[in-house]
N, C-alpha and C. Protein backbone atom coordinates (compact mmCIF):
# COMPACT_ATOMS: atom_id res chain seq x y z
N MET A 1 -16.15 29.45 -24.95
CA MET A 1 -16.07 30.21 -23.72
C MET A 1 -14.62 30.63 -23.52
N SER A 2 -14.37 31.84 -23.16
CA SER A 2 -12.99 32.27 -22.94
C SER A 2 -12.49 31.71 -21.63
N GLN A 3 -11.19 31.45 -21.58
CA GLN A 3 -10.62 30.87 -20.37
C GLN A 3 -10.71 31.81 -19.18
N SER A 4 -10.74 33.09 -19.39
CA SER A 4 -10.82 34.01 -18.27
C SER A 4 -12.14 33.89 -17.52
N ASN A 5 -13.18 33.39 -18.19
CA ASN A 5 -14.47 33.20 -17.54
C ASN A 5 -14.68 31.77 -17.06
N SER A 6 -13.73 30.90 -17.37
CA SER A 6 -13.84 29.50 -17.00
C SER A 6 -13.19 29.27 -15.65
N PRO A 7 -13.62 28.22 -14.98
CA PRO A 7 -12.99 27.91 -13.70
C PRO A 7 -11.54 27.52 -13.91
N SER A 8 -10.70 27.84 -12.94
CA SER A 8 -9.30 27.46 -12.99
C SER A 8 -9.09 26.29 -12.05
N ALA A 9 -8.06 25.49 -12.33
CA ALA A 9 -7.78 24.32 -11.51
C ALA A 9 -6.28 24.07 -11.50
N VAL A 10 -5.82 23.41 -10.46
CA VAL A 10 -4.41 23.05 -10.37
C VAL A 10 -4.30 21.57 -10.05
N VAL A 11 -3.41 20.90 -10.78
CA VAL A 11 -3.10 19.50 -10.53
C VAL A 11 -1.84 19.49 -9.67
N VAL A 12 -1.92 18.85 -8.53
CA VAL A 12 -0.83 18.81 -7.57
C VAL A 12 -0.03 17.53 -7.75
N ASP A 13 1.27 17.68 -8.03
CA ASP A 13 2.14 16.52 -8.18
C ASP A 13 2.45 15.93 -6.80
N SER A 14 2.71 14.65 -6.78
CA SER A 14 3.02 13.98 -5.51
C SER A 14 4.25 14.57 -4.85
N ASN A 15 5.23 15.04 -5.63
CA ASN A 15 6.43 15.57 -5.01
C ASN A 15 6.16 16.83 -4.19
N VAL A 16 5.10 17.55 -4.52
CA VAL A 16 4.71 18.72 -3.74
C VAL A 16 4.18 18.27 -2.38
N LEU A 17 3.33 17.25 -2.39
CA LEU A 17 2.82 16.73 -1.11
C LEU A 17 3.91 16.05 -0.30
N ILE A 18 4.80 15.34 -0.97
CA ILE A 18 5.91 14.69 -0.27
C ILE A 18 6.74 15.73 0.46
N SER A 19 7.02 16.83 -0.22
CA SER A 19 7.78 17.92 0.38
C SER A 19 7.10 18.44 1.65
N ILE A 20 5.79 18.65 1.56
CA ILE A 20 5.03 19.17 2.69
C ILE A 20 4.96 18.14 3.82
N CYS A 21 4.62 16.91 3.47
CA CYS A 21 4.41 15.87 4.48
C CYS A 21 5.69 15.47 5.20
N SER A 22 6.82 15.51 4.51
CA SER A 22 8.07 15.11 5.13
C SER A 22 8.93 16.31 5.54
N LYS A 23 8.36 17.49 5.38
CA LYS A 23 9.02 18.74 5.76
C LYS A 23 10.43 18.84 5.19
N GLU A 24 10.51 18.54 3.87
CA GLU A 24 11.77 18.71 3.16
C GLU A 24 12.12 20.19 3.14
N SER A 25 13.35 20.51 2.77
CA SER A 25 13.78 21.91 2.73
C SER A 25 12.91 22.75 1.79
N SER A 26 12.29 22.10 0.82
CA SER A 26 11.43 22.80 -0.14
C SER A 26 9.99 22.98 0.33
N HIS A 27 9.67 22.52 1.54
CA HIS A 27 8.26 22.54 1.96
C HIS A 27 7.68 23.95 2.08
N VAL A 28 8.49 24.93 2.38
CA VAL A 28 7.98 26.30 2.47
C VAL A 28 7.52 26.76 1.09
N THR A 29 8.31 26.45 0.07
CA THR A 29 7.93 26.78 -1.31
C THR A 29 6.63 26.09 -1.69
N ALA A 30 6.53 24.80 -1.35
CA ALA A 30 5.32 24.03 -1.66
C ALA A 30 4.11 24.61 -0.93
N ASP A 31 4.27 24.88 0.35
CA ASP A 31 3.16 25.47 1.13
C ASP A 31 2.72 26.80 0.54
N GLN A 32 3.68 27.64 0.16
CA GLN A 32 3.35 28.95 -0.40
C GLN A 32 2.62 28.82 -1.73
N ALA A 33 3.07 27.88 -2.55
CA ALA A 33 2.42 27.69 -3.85
C ALA A 33 0.97 27.25 -3.67
N LEU A 34 0.74 26.28 -2.79
CA LEU A 34 -0.64 25.82 -2.57
C LEU A 34 -1.49 26.91 -1.92
N ALA A 35 -0.90 27.68 -1.02
CA ALA A 35 -1.64 28.79 -0.40
C ALA A 35 -2.03 29.83 -1.45
N ASP A 36 -1.15 30.08 -2.41
CA ASP A 36 -1.45 31.03 -3.48
C ASP A 36 -2.62 30.53 -4.32
N TYR A 37 -2.60 29.26 -4.70
CA TYR A 37 -3.72 28.70 -5.47
C TYR A 37 -5.01 28.76 -4.65
N ALA A 38 -4.92 28.43 -3.38
CA ALA A 38 -6.12 28.46 -2.52
C ALA A 38 -6.67 29.89 -2.41
N ALA A 39 -5.78 30.87 -2.29
CA ALA A 39 -6.21 32.27 -2.20
C ALA A 39 -6.93 32.70 -3.47
N ARG A 40 -6.53 32.12 -4.60
CA ARG A 40 -7.19 32.42 -5.88
C ARG A 40 -8.41 31.52 -6.11
N GLN A 41 -8.70 30.69 -5.13
CA GLN A 41 -9.84 29.77 -5.15
C GLN A 41 -9.77 28.76 -6.29
N TRP A 42 -8.58 28.33 -6.61
CA TRP A 42 -8.40 27.28 -7.60
C TRP A 42 -8.58 25.94 -6.89
N PRO A 43 -9.45 25.09 -7.36
CA PRO A 43 -9.57 23.77 -6.75
C PRO A 43 -8.34 22.92 -7.09
N PHE A 44 -8.00 22.04 -6.16
CA PHE A 44 -6.87 21.13 -6.31
C PHE A 44 -7.36 19.79 -6.82
N TYR A 45 -6.60 19.20 -7.74
CA TYR A 45 -6.91 17.88 -8.30
C TYR A 45 -5.65 17.02 -8.33
N ALA A 46 -5.85 15.73 -8.32
CA ALA A 46 -4.75 14.77 -8.53
C ALA A 46 -5.35 13.42 -8.89
N PRO A 47 -4.61 12.65 -9.68
CA PRO A 47 -5.06 11.27 -9.93
C PRO A 47 -4.86 10.45 -8.66
N GLY A 48 -5.55 9.34 -8.57
CA GLY A 48 -5.51 8.49 -7.38
C GLY A 48 -4.12 7.98 -7.02
N VAL A 49 -3.23 7.90 -7.98
CA VAL A 49 -1.88 7.40 -7.75
C VAL A 49 -1.11 8.26 -6.75
N ILE A 50 -1.56 9.47 -6.51
CA ILE A 50 -0.86 10.36 -5.58
C ILE A 50 -0.76 9.74 -4.19
N VAL A 51 -1.78 9.02 -3.78
CA VAL A 51 -1.77 8.43 -2.44
C VAL A 51 -0.65 7.41 -2.32
N SER A 52 -0.57 6.48 -3.27
CA SER A 52 0.46 5.45 -3.17
C SER A 52 1.86 6.04 -3.35
N GLU A 53 2.00 7.05 -4.20
CA GLU A 53 3.31 7.67 -4.38
C GLU A 53 3.80 8.33 -3.08
N VAL A 54 2.93 9.07 -2.42
CA VAL A 54 3.33 9.75 -1.19
C VAL A 54 3.57 8.73 -0.08
N LEU A 55 2.67 7.78 0.07
CA LEU A 55 2.86 6.76 1.11
C LEU A 55 4.17 6.00 0.92
N PHE A 56 4.49 5.65 -0.31
CA PHE A 56 5.72 4.92 -0.60
C PHE A 56 6.95 5.73 -0.17
N VAL A 57 7.00 7.00 -0.57
CA VAL A 57 8.18 7.82 -0.26
C VAL A 57 8.27 8.06 1.24
N LEU A 58 7.15 8.32 1.90
CA LEU A 58 7.20 8.50 3.36
C LEU A 58 7.71 7.23 4.04
N CYS A 59 7.26 6.09 3.59
CA CYS A 59 7.71 4.82 4.14
C CYS A 59 9.21 4.64 3.92
N ARG A 60 9.68 4.94 2.71
CA ARG A 60 11.11 4.83 2.42
C ARG A 60 11.92 5.76 3.31
N LYS A 61 11.43 6.97 3.51
CA LYS A 61 12.13 7.92 4.36
C LYS A 61 12.19 7.43 5.81
N ARG A 62 11.12 6.80 6.26
CA ARG A 62 11.14 6.23 7.62
C ARG A 62 12.12 5.06 7.67
N SER A 63 12.10 4.21 6.65
CA SER A 63 12.99 3.05 6.60
C SER A 63 14.46 3.42 6.54
N ASP A 64 14.78 4.49 5.80
CA ASP A 64 16.20 4.87 5.68
C ASP A 64 16.65 5.81 6.78
N GLY A 65 15.73 6.15 7.70
CA GLY A 65 16.10 6.97 8.85
C GLY A 65 16.02 8.46 8.63
N SER A 66 15.62 8.90 7.43
CA SER A 66 15.51 10.34 7.21
C SER A 66 14.24 10.93 7.84
N LEU A 67 13.32 10.05 8.25
CA LEU A 67 12.17 10.45 9.06
C LEU A 67 12.11 9.53 10.28
N SER A 68 11.91 10.10 11.43
CA SER A 68 11.67 9.29 12.62
C SER A 68 10.26 8.72 12.55
N THR A 69 9.95 7.80 13.42
CA THR A 69 8.59 7.26 13.45
C THR A 69 7.59 8.38 13.75
N ALA A 70 7.93 9.28 14.66
CA ALA A 70 7.03 10.39 14.99
C ALA A 70 6.85 11.32 13.78
N GLU A 71 7.93 11.60 13.05
CA GLU A 71 7.84 12.46 11.86
C GLU A 71 7.03 11.77 10.76
N TYR A 72 7.22 10.46 10.64
CA TYR A 72 6.44 9.68 9.67
C TYR A 72 4.95 9.76 10.02
N ASP A 73 4.63 9.54 11.29
CA ASP A 73 3.23 9.61 11.73
C ASP A 73 2.64 11.00 11.47
N GLU A 74 3.43 12.03 11.74
CA GLU A 74 2.97 13.40 11.48
C GLU A 74 2.77 13.61 9.97
N GLY A 75 3.67 13.07 9.17
CA GLY A 75 3.55 13.17 7.72
C GLY A 75 2.28 12.52 7.20
N ILE A 76 1.93 11.38 7.78
CA ILE A 76 0.69 10.69 7.40
C ILE A 76 -0.52 11.56 7.74
N GLU A 77 -0.50 12.19 8.91
CA GLU A 77 -1.61 13.07 9.29
C GLU A 77 -1.70 14.27 8.36
N ILE A 78 -0.56 14.83 7.99
CA ILE A 78 -0.55 15.96 7.04
C ILE A 78 -1.11 15.50 5.71
N LEU A 79 -0.71 14.31 5.25
CA LEU A 79 -1.23 13.77 3.99
C LEU A 79 -2.75 13.65 4.06
N LYS A 80 -3.26 13.08 5.14
CA LYS A 80 -4.72 12.93 5.27
C LYS A 80 -5.41 14.29 5.21
N ASP A 81 -4.84 15.29 5.87
CA ASP A 81 -5.42 16.64 5.83
C ASP A 81 -5.39 17.21 4.41
N GLN A 82 -4.27 17.07 3.73
CA GLN A 82 -4.15 17.59 2.37
C GLN A 82 -5.15 16.92 1.42
N LEU A 83 -5.32 15.62 1.59
CA LEU A 83 -6.22 14.88 0.70
C LEU A 83 -7.68 15.28 0.86
N THR A 84 -8.03 15.95 1.95
CA THR A 84 -9.42 16.39 2.11
C THR A 84 -9.79 17.51 1.15
N VAL A 85 -8.77 18.18 0.58
CA VAL A 85 -9.06 19.28 -0.35
C VAL A 85 -8.60 18.98 -1.77
N ILE A 86 -8.06 17.81 -2.00
CA ILE A 86 -7.63 17.43 -3.35
C ILE A 86 -8.69 16.54 -3.97
N LEU A 87 -9.22 17.01 -5.07
CA LEU A 87 -10.31 16.31 -5.75
C LEU A 87 -9.78 15.26 -6.70
N PRO A 88 -10.56 14.20 -6.92
CA PRO A 88 -10.18 13.20 -7.92
C PRO A 88 -10.47 13.74 -9.32
N PRO A 89 -9.95 13.09 -10.34
CA PRO A 89 -10.26 13.52 -11.71
C PRO A 89 -11.78 13.56 -11.92
N PRO A 90 -12.29 14.63 -12.53
CA PRO A 90 -13.74 14.77 -12.71
C PRO A 90 -14.40 13.58 -13.41
N ARG A 91 -13.68 12.97 -14.35
CA ARG A 91 -14.24 11.82 -15.08
C ARG A 91 -13.61 10.50 -14.62
N GLY A 92 -12.93 10.54 -13.46
CA GLY A 92 -12.32 9.34 -12.91
C GLY A 92 -10.95 9.06 -13.50
N ASP A 93 -10.19 8.22 -12.81
CA ASP A 93 -8.85 7.86 -13.27
C ASP A 93 -8.88 7.12 -14.60
N ALA A 94 -9.92 6.35 -14.83
CA ALA A 94 -10.00 5.58 -16.08
C ALA A 94 -9.97 6.49 -17.29
N SER A 95 -10.50 7.70 -17.16
CA SER A 95 -10.51 8.64 -18.29
C SER A 95 -9.12 9.12 -18.66
N LEU A 96 -8.14 8.90 -17.79
CA LEU A 96 -6.78 9.40 -18.02
C LEU A 96 -5.86 8.36 -18.64
N VAL A 97 -6.22 7.09 -18.54
CA VAL A 97 -5.31 6.00 -18.88
C VAL A 97 -4.84 6.06 -20.33
N GLN A 98 -5.75 6.14 -21.27
CA GLN A 98 -5.36 6.13 -22.69
C GLN A 98 -4.49 7.33 -23.03
N ARG A 99 -4.88 8.49 -22.56
CA ARG A 99 -4.10 9.69 -22.87
C ARG A 99 -2.73 9.63 -22.20
N ALA A 100 -2.66 9.13 -20.97
CA ALA A 100 -1.38 8.98 -20.29
C ALA A 100 -0.46 8.03 -21.06
N LYS A 101 -1.05 6.97 -21.59
CA LYS A 101 -0.28 6.01 -22.40
C LYS A 101 0.29 6.71 -23.63
N GLU A 102 -0.51 7.53 -24.28
CA GLU A 102 -0.06 8.25 -25.47
C GLU A 102 1.06 9.24 -25.13
N ILE A 103 0.91 9.95 -24.03
CA ILE A 103 1.92 10.92 -23.60
C ILE A 103 3.22 10.20 -23.25
N GLN A 104 3.11 9.04 -22.63
CA GLN A 104 4.28 8.29 -22.16
C GLN A 104 5.08 7.65 -23.29
N THR A 105 4.47 7.46 -24.45
CA THR A 105 5.15 6.82 -25.58
C THR A 105 6.45 7.55 -25.90
N GLY A 106 7.52 6.80 -25.96
CA GLY A 106 8.82 7.37 -26.26
C GLY A 106 9.62 7.77 -25.03
N TYR A 107 9.03 7.63 -23.86
CA TYR A 107 9.71 7.94 -22.61
C TYR A 107 9.83 6.66 -21.79
N SER A 108 10.71 6.68 -20.82
CA SER A 108 10.88 5.50 -19.98
C SER A 108 9.65 5.29 -19.09
N CYS A 109 9.58 4.12 -18.52
CA CYS A 109 8.48 3.79 -17.63
C CYS A 109 8.45 4.68 -16.40
N LEU A 110 9.57 5.33 -16.10
CA LEU A 110 9.60 6.25 -14.95
C LEU A 110 8.61 7.40 -15.11
N HIS A 111 8.17 7.65 -16.33
CA HIS A 111 7.23 8.74 -16.59
C HIS A 111 5.77 8.30 -16.52
N SER A 112 5.52 7.04 -16.26
CA SER A 112 4.14 6.52 -16.29
C SER A 112 3.19 7.31 -15.39
N ALA A 113 3.56 7.47 -14.13
CA ALA A 113 2.69 8.21 -13.21
C ALA A 113 2.63 9.68 -13.60
N ASP A 114 3.79 10.26 -13.98
CA ASP A 114 3.80 11.67 -14.40
C ASP A 114 2.78 11.92 -15.50
N CYS A 115 2.67 10.97 -16.40
CA CYS A 115 1.77 11.15 -17.55
C CYS A 115 0.30 11.17 -17.12
N LEU A 116 -0.03 10.52 -16.02
CA LEU A 116 -1.39 10.60 -15.49
C LEU A 116 -1.70 12.03 -15.02
N TYR A 117 -0.74 12.65 -14.36
CA TYR A 117 -0.91 14.03 -13.90
C TYR A 117 -1.04 14.97 -15.10
N ILE A 118 -0.20 14.77 -16.10
CA ILE A 118 -0.25 15.62 -17.30
C ILE A 118 -1.58 15.43 -18.02
N ALA A 119 -2.03 14.19 -18.14
CA ALA A 119 -3.32 13.91 -18.79
C ALA A 119 -4.45 14.59 -18.04
N LEU A 120 -4.39 14.58 -16.72
CA LEU A 120 -5.43 15.24 -15.92
C LEU A 120 -5.39 16.74 -16.14
N ALA A 121 -4.21 17.33 -16.12
CA ALA A 121 -4.10 18.78 -16.36
C ALA A 121 -4.62 19.13 -17.75
N GLU A 122 -4.33 18.29 -18.72
CA GLU A 122 -4.82 18.52 -20.08
C GLU A 122 -6.34 18.45 -20.12
N GLU A 123 -6.90 17.46 -19.44
CA GLU A 123 -8.37 17.31 -19.39
C GLU A 123 -9.01 18.55 -18.75
N LEU A 124 -8.43 19.03 -17.67
CA LEU A 124 -8.96 20.21 -16.99
C LEU A 124 -8.78 21.47 -17.83
N ALA A 125 -7.66 21.55 -18.57
CA ALA A 125 -7.39 22.73 -19.41
C ALA A 125 -8.39 22.85 -20.56
N ALA A 126 -9.05 21.75 -20.89
CA ALA A 126 -10.04 21.80 -21.97
C ALA A 126 -11.25 22.66 -21.60
N SER A 127 -11.46 22.88 -20.29
CA SER A 127 -12.63 23.66 -19.87
C SER A 127 -12.27 24.92 -19.08
N GLY A 128 -11.00 25.25 -19.00
CA GLY A 128 -10.59 26.45 -18.28
C GLY A 128 -9.11 26.46 -18.03
N ALA A 129 -8.65 27.47 -17.35
CA ALA A 129 -7.23 27.55 -17.03
C ALA A 129 -6.86 26.42 -16.09
N ALA A 130 -5.74 25.79 -16.36
CA ALA A 130 -5.27 24.70 -15.51
C ALA A 130 -3.75 24.71 -15.48
N GLU A 131 -3.20 24.37 -14.35
CA GLU A 131 -1.77 24.27 -14.19
C GLU A 131 -1.42 22.97 -13.50
N PHE A 132 -0.21 22.52 -13.72
CA PHE A 132 0.35 21.35 -13.05
C PHE A 132 1.50 21.86 -12.21
N VAL A 133 1.38 21.79 -10.88
CA VAL A 133 2.41 22.30 -9.99
C VAL A 133 3.30 21.13 -9.55
N THR A 134 4.62 21.33 -9.72
CA THR A 134 5.56 20.25 -9.49
C THR A 134 6.95 20.79 -9.17
N PHE A 135 7.79 19.94 -8.60
CA PHE A 135 9.21 20.21 -8.45
C PHE A 135 10.02 19.46 -9.51
N ASP A 136 9.37 18.68 -10.34
CA ASP A 136 10.03 17.77 -11.28
C ASP A 136 10.27 18.44 -12.62
N LYS A 137 11.52 18.86 -12.86
CA LYS A 137 11.83 19.56 -14.11
C LYS A 137 11.73 18.64 -15.33
N ARG A 138 11.78 17.31 -15.13
CA ARG A 138 11.67 16.38 -16.26
C ARG A 138 10.33 16.50 -16.97
N VAL A 139 9.27 16.82 -16.24
CA VAL A 139 7.94 16.84 -16.86
C VAL A 139 7.70 18.07 -17.73
N VAL A 140 8.52 19.08 -17.58
CA VAL A 140 8.33 20.30 -18.38
C VAL A 140 8.39 19.97 -19.87
N ASN A 141 9.43 19.26 -20.28
CA ASN A 141 9.58 18.91 -21.70
C ASN A 141 8.56 17.88 -22.14
N VAL A 142 8.22 16.94 -21.26
CA VAL A 142 7.21 15.92 -21.61
C VAL A 142 5.88 16.61 -21.90
N ALA A 143 5.50 17.53 -21.04
CA ALA A 143 4.24 18.26 -21.24
C ALA A 143 4.31 19.14 -22.49
N ALA A 144 5.40 19.86 -22.64
CA ALA A 144 5.52 20.78 -23.80
C ALA A 144 5.44 20.02 -25.12
N ARG A 145 6.05 18.86 -25.17
CA ARG A 145 6.08 18.09 -26.41
C ARG A 145 4.77 17.36 -26.68
N ASN A 146 4.09 16.91 -25.63
CA ASN A 146 2.95 16.01 -25.81
C ASN A 146 1.60 16.58 -25.38
N ALA A 147 1.61 17.63 -24.60
CA ALA A 147 0.35 18.22 -24.11
C ALA A 147 0.55 19.73 -24.00
N PRO A 148 0.66 20.41 -25.13
CA PRO A 148 1.01 21.83 -25.11
C PRO A 148 0.00 22.74 -24.42
N THR A 149 -1.21 22.27 -24.17
CA THR A 149 -2.17 23.09 -23.44
C THR A 149 -1.93 23.08 -21.94
N VAL A 150 -1.02 22.22 -21.50
CA VAL A 150 -0.73 22.11 -20.06
C VAL A 150 0.35 23.11 -19.67
N LYS A 151 0.02 23.96 -18.73
CA LYS A 151 0.99 24.90 -18.18
C LYS A 151 1.59 24.24 -16.94
N VAL A 152 2.90 24.10 -16.94
CA VAL A 152 3.60 23.52 -15.81
C VAL A 152 4.15 24.64 -14.94
N ASN A 153 3.79 24.62 -13.68
CA ASN A 153 4.34 25.56 -12.72
C ASN A 153 5.47 24.83 -12.00
N LEU A 154 6.69 25.00 -12.51
CA LEU A 154 7.86 24.34 -11.95
C LEU A 154 8.35 25.15 -10.76
N LEU A 155 8.20 24.58 -9.59
CA LEU A 155 8.62 25.26 -8.36
C LEU A 155 10.13 25.16 -8.20
N PRO A 156 10.75 26.21 -7.68
CA PRO A 156 12.20 26.14 -7.45
C PRO A 156 12.50 25.24 -6.25
N VAL A 157 13.60 24.53 -6.36
CA VAL A 157 14.01 23.64 -5.27
C VAL A 157 14.88 24.38 -4.31
């Protein structure tokens, strides 16, 4: 089946949601990127780790004072709203573990979660167009070297 006739999908990195939820300076870029995908009717996907990654960073931002308690609470509400449209991996997180391990080989442990996102984008790309939207320039080379079917949409900071 040609990819032009296949469904398209986008894997959303946690840093995109963190930007939106904590209203970082990059949140307008993140909002626009997700709005563009939504306008093209691309479904959103992410591995389950996205929840803990976003919650952790929001908590750290509240703890270090870069978010007030009210901003933190608002960020949590935004996260809950965003998660209503982000789908889990079609075959579950377990389907990503082995491939993520393979992608991560040769990289530091800091790439462990990133490799789950890349593995998910690779899995989705097997049946249609898929992109991984992120602010993290480190993953561009990881994906290119280990998952060449994954198109990374690196958002400008």
